[in-house]
Amino acid sequence: MQLSHVHDASGATVVRLAGELDAGTVTRVRDYLESVLRPGRLVLDLRDVTFLDCAGIETLVRTHERVRKRGGWLELSEVPQHVRWLLVVTGTEALLDAEGRSTEDAPRTASG
């Protein structure tokens, strides 16, 4: 698993993950995410994730929870079809709206 991050102009922390997000890599990924986590938006760019297992899904869920506790939100970007499929099948996608924000955090329109 290769990990890198930048802080974009909006103040978001954008972390790019490349490789397998599985039982063999989640400890390193969790430690890395914890080291770059700051208040606000955390974007996980998943375009180069080649494999995801239940340990990887758990890492996404726990990261979502940690970010929310700090008053921010998690956004998944560039989600490959095979990763999106696993999130849908496991019901994990229900935690996130289309942009990756928690449905409770999504901006409300005037009508809703």
C-alpha atoms as a PDB file:
ATOM      1  CA  MET A   1       0.000   0.000   0.000  1.00  0.00           C
ATOM      2  CA  GLN A   2       1.339   3.398  -0.989  1.00  0.00           C
ATOM      3  CA  LEU A   3       0.042   6.468   0.825  1.00  0.00           C
ATOM      4  CA  SER A   4       0.496  10.172   0.177  1.00  0.00           C
ATOM      5  CA  HIS A   5      -1.368  13.308   1.158  1.00  0.00           C
ATOM      6  CA  VAL A   6      -1.739  16.997   0.476  1.00  0.00           C
ATOM      7  CA  HIS A   7      -3.725  19.785   2.073  1.00  0.00           C
ATOM      8  CA  ASP A   8      -5.697  21.437  -0.712  1.00  0.00           C
ATOM      9  CA  ALA A   9      -6.677  25.097  -1.078  1.00  0.00           C
ATOM     10  CA  SER A  10     -10.000  24.498   0.686  1.00  0.00           C
ATOM     11  CA  GLY A  11      -8.178  23.154   3.747  1.00  0.00           C
ATOM     12  CA  ALA A  12      -9.154  19.540   3.121  1.00  0.00           C
ATOM     13  CA  THR A  13      -6.675  16.768   3.706  1.00  0.00           C
ATOM     14  CA  VAL A  14      -6.562  14.596   0.577  1.00  0.00           C
ATOM     15  CA  VAL A  15      -5.033  11.147   1.019  1.00  0.00           C
ATOM     16  CA  ARG A  16      -4.298   8.990  -2.005  1.00  0.00           C
ATOM     17  CA  LEU A  17      -4.236   5.247  -1.427  1.00  0.00           C
ATOM     18  CA  ALA A  18      -2.674   2.860  -3.939  1.00  0.00           C
ATOM     19  CA  GLY A  19      -2.623  -0.918  -3.681  1.00  0.00           C
ATOM     20  CA  GLU A  20      -4.467  -3.392  -1.496  1.00  0.00           C
ATOM     21  CA  LEU A  21      -6.487  -2.203   1.488  1.00  0.00           C
ATOM     22  CA  ASP A  22      -6.706  -5.434   3.437  1.00  0.00           C
ATOM     23  CA  ALA A  23      -5.802  -7.158   6.701  1.00  0.00           C
ATOM     24  CA  GLY A  24      -2.125  -6.931   5.826  1.00  0.00           C
ATOM     25  CA  THR A  25      -2.106  -3.159   5.301  1.00  0.00           C
ATOM     26  CA  VAL A  26      -4.813  -1.672   7.529  1.00  0.00           C
ATOM     27  CA  THR A  27      -2.598  -1.032  10.545  1.00  0.00           C
ATOM     28  CA  ARG A  28      -0.234   1.053   8.439  1.00  0.00           C
ATOM     29  CA  VAL A  29      -3.172   2.845   6.772  1.00  0.00           C
ATOM     30  CA  ARG A  30      -4.859   3.606  10.121  1.00  0.00           C
ATOM     31  CA  ASP A  31      -1.615   4.956  11.582  1.00  0.00           C
ATOM     32  CA  TYR A  32      -1.021   7.104   8.521  1.00  0.00           C
ATOM     33  CA  LEU A  33      -4.563   8.493   8.508  1.00  0.00           C
ATOM     34  CA  GLU A  34      -4.329   9.279  12.212  1.00  0.00           C
ATOM     35  CA  SER A  35      -1.065  11.145  11.641  1.00  0.00           C
ATOM     36  CA  VAL A  36      -2.548  13.420   8.948  1.00  0.00           C
ATOM     37  CA  LEU A  37      -6.042  13.826  10.395  1.00  0.00           C
ATOM     38  CA  ARG A  38      -7.046  17.356  11.316  1.00  0.00           C
ATOM     39  CA  PRO A  39     -10.401  19.093  11.781  1.00  0.00           C
ATOM     40  CA  GLY A  40     -12.497  19.463   8.641  1.00  0.00           C
ATOM     41  CA  ARG A  41     -12.816  17.406   5.517  1.00  0.00           C
ATOM     42  CA  LEU A  42     -10.807  14.261   4.874  1.00  0.00           C
ATOM     43  CA  VAL A  43     -10.848  13.044   1.279  1.00  0.00           C
ATOM     44  CA  LEU A  44      -9.717   9.510   0.504  1.00  0.00           C
ATOM     45  CA  ASP A  45      -8.786   9.162  -3.156  1.00  0.00           C
ATOM     46  CA  LEU A  46      -9.334   5.469  -3.879  1.00  0.00           C
ATOM     47  CA  ARG A  47      -8.680   5.440  -7.639  1.00  0.00           C
ATOM     48  CA  ASP A  48      -5.640   3.172  -7.260  1.00  0.00           C
ATOM     49  CA  VAL A  49      -7.052   0.754  -4.675  1.00  0.00           C
ATOM     50  CA  THR A  50      -6.777  -2.648  -6.324  1.00  0.00           C
ATOM     51  CA  PHE A  51      -8.329  -4.780  -3.583  1.00  0.00           C
ATOM     52  CA  LEU A  52     -10.536  -4.207  -0.546  1.00  0.00           C
ATOM     53  CA  ASP A  53     -11.524  -6.752   2.102  1.00  0.00           C
ATOM     54  CA  CYS A  54     -13.576  -6.586   5.310  1.00  0.00           C
ATOM     55  CA  ALA A  55     -10.604  -5.188   7.265  1.00  0.00           C
ATOM     56  CA  GLY A  56     -10.338  -2.392   4.696  1.00  0.00           C
ATOM     57  CA  ILE A  57     -14.056  -1.670   4.945  1.00  0.00           C
ATOM     58  CA  GLU A  58     -13.769  -1.559   8.731  1.00  0.00           C
ATOM     59  CA  THR A  59     -10.926   0.947   8.370  1.00  0.00           C
ATOM     60  CA  LEU A  60     -13.120   3.194   6.210  1.00  0.00           C
ATOM     61  CA  VAL A  61     -15.955   3.008   8.755  1.00  0.00           C
ATOM     62  CA  ARG A  62     -13.680   3.712  11.730  1.00  0.00           C
ATOM     63  CA  THR A  63     -12.041   6.588   9.883  1.00  0.00           C
ATOM     64  CA  HIS A  64     -15.503   8.006   9.170  1.00  0.00           C
ATOM     65  CA  GLU A  65     -16.306   7.793  12.902  1.00  0.00           C
ATOM     66  CA  ARG A  66     -13.023   9.445  13.977  1.00  0.00           C
ATOM     67  CA  VAL A  67     -13.449  12.288  11.503  1.00  0.00           C
ATOM     68  CA  ARG A  68     -17.055  12.906  12.641  1.00  0.00           C
ATOM     69  CA  LYS A  69     -16.008  12.993  16.302  1.00  0.00           C
ATOM     70  CA  ARG A  70     -13.631  15.801  15.370  1.00  0.00           C
ATOM     71  CA  GLY A  71     -16.422  17.746  13.682  1.00  0.00           C
ATOM     72  CA  GLY A  72     -15.450  16.899  10.114  1.00  0.00           C
ATOM     73  CA  TRP A  73     -16.596  14.594   7.388  1.00  0.00           C
ATOM     74  CA  LEU A  74     -15.124  11.865   5.234  1.00  0.00           C
ATOM     75  CA  GLU A  75     -15.379  11.966   1.460  1.00  0.00           C
ATOM     76  CA  LEU A  76     -14.458   9.059  -0.774  1.00  0.00           C
ATOM     77  CA  SER A  77     -13.356  10.144  -4.222  1.00  0.00           C
ATOM     78  CA  GLU A  78     -12.522   8.333  -7.440  1.00  0.00           C
ATOM     79  CA  VAL A  79     -14.020   5.119  -6.075  1.00  0.00           C
ATOM     80  CA  PRO A  80     -13.337   2.220  -8.470  1.00  0.00           C
ATOM     81  CA  GLN A  81     -16.325   0.114  -9.483  1.00  0.00           C
ATOM     82  CA  HIS A  82     -15.066  -2.994  -7.651  1.00  0.00           C
ATOM     83  CA  VAL A  83     -14.717  -1.006  -4.405  1.00  0.00           C
ATOM     84  CA  ARG A  84     -18.112   0.692  -4.816  1.00  0.00           C
ATOM     85  CA  TRP A  85     -19.705  -2.718  -5.400  1.00  0.00           C
ATOM     86  CA  LEU A  86     -18.314  -4.033  -2.095  1.00  0.00           C
ATOM     87  CA  LEU A  87     -19.536  -0.948  -0.248  1.00  0.00           C
ATOM     88  CA  VAL A  88     -23.026  -1.423  -1.711  1.00  0.00           C
ATOM     89  CA  VAL A  89     -23.161  -5.175  -1.021  1.00  0.00           C
ATOM     90  CA  THR A  90     -22.034  -4.740   2.588  1.00  0.00           C
ATOM     91  CA  GLY A  91     -24.380  -1.807   3.218  1.00  0.00           C
ATOM     92  CA  THR A  92     -21.429   0.424   4.008  1.00  0.00           C
ATOM     93  CA  GLU A  93     -22.268   2.826   1.204  1.00  0.00           C
ATOM     94  CA  ALA A  94     -25.432   3.716   3.160  1.00  0.00           C
ATOM     95  CA  LEU A  95     -23.166   5.560   5.647  1.00  0.00           C
ATOM     96  CA  LEU A  96     -22.158   7.963   2.910  1.00  0.00           C
ATOM     97  CA  ASP A  97     -24.014  10.073   0.390  1.00  0.00           C
ATOM     98  CA  ALA A  98     -22.988  10.305  -3.266  1.00  0.00           C
ATOM     99  CA  GLU A  99     -20.147  12.716  -2.469  1.00  0.00           C
ATOM    100  CA  GLY A 100     -18.926  10.568   0.379  1.00  0.00           C
ATOM    101  CA  ARG A 101     -20.302  12.736   3.173  1.00  0.00           C
ATOM    102  CA  SER A 102     -22.286  11.256   5.972  1.00  0.00           C
ATOM    103  CA  THR A 103     -25.970  11.694   5.189  1.00  0.00           C
ATOM    104  CA  GLU A 104     -26.318  13.600   8.477  1.00  0.00           C
ATOM    105  CA  ASP A 105     -23.611  16.038   7.360  1.00  0.00           C
ATOM    106  CA  ALA A 106     -24.829  16.587   3.802  1.00  0.00           C
ATOM    107  CA  PRO A 107     -25.899  20.154   3.072  1.00  0.00           C
ATOM    108  CA  ARG A 108     -29.629  20.685   3.269  1.00  0.00           C
ATOM    109  CA  THR A 109     -31.600  22.456   0.592  1.00  0.00           C
ATOM    110  CA  ALA A 110     -34.157  25.109   1.466  1.00  0.00           C
ATOM    111  CA  SER A 111     -36.901  22.517   1.014  1.00  0.00           C
ATOM    112  CA  GLY A 112     -35.332  19.784   3.034  1.00  0.00           C
END
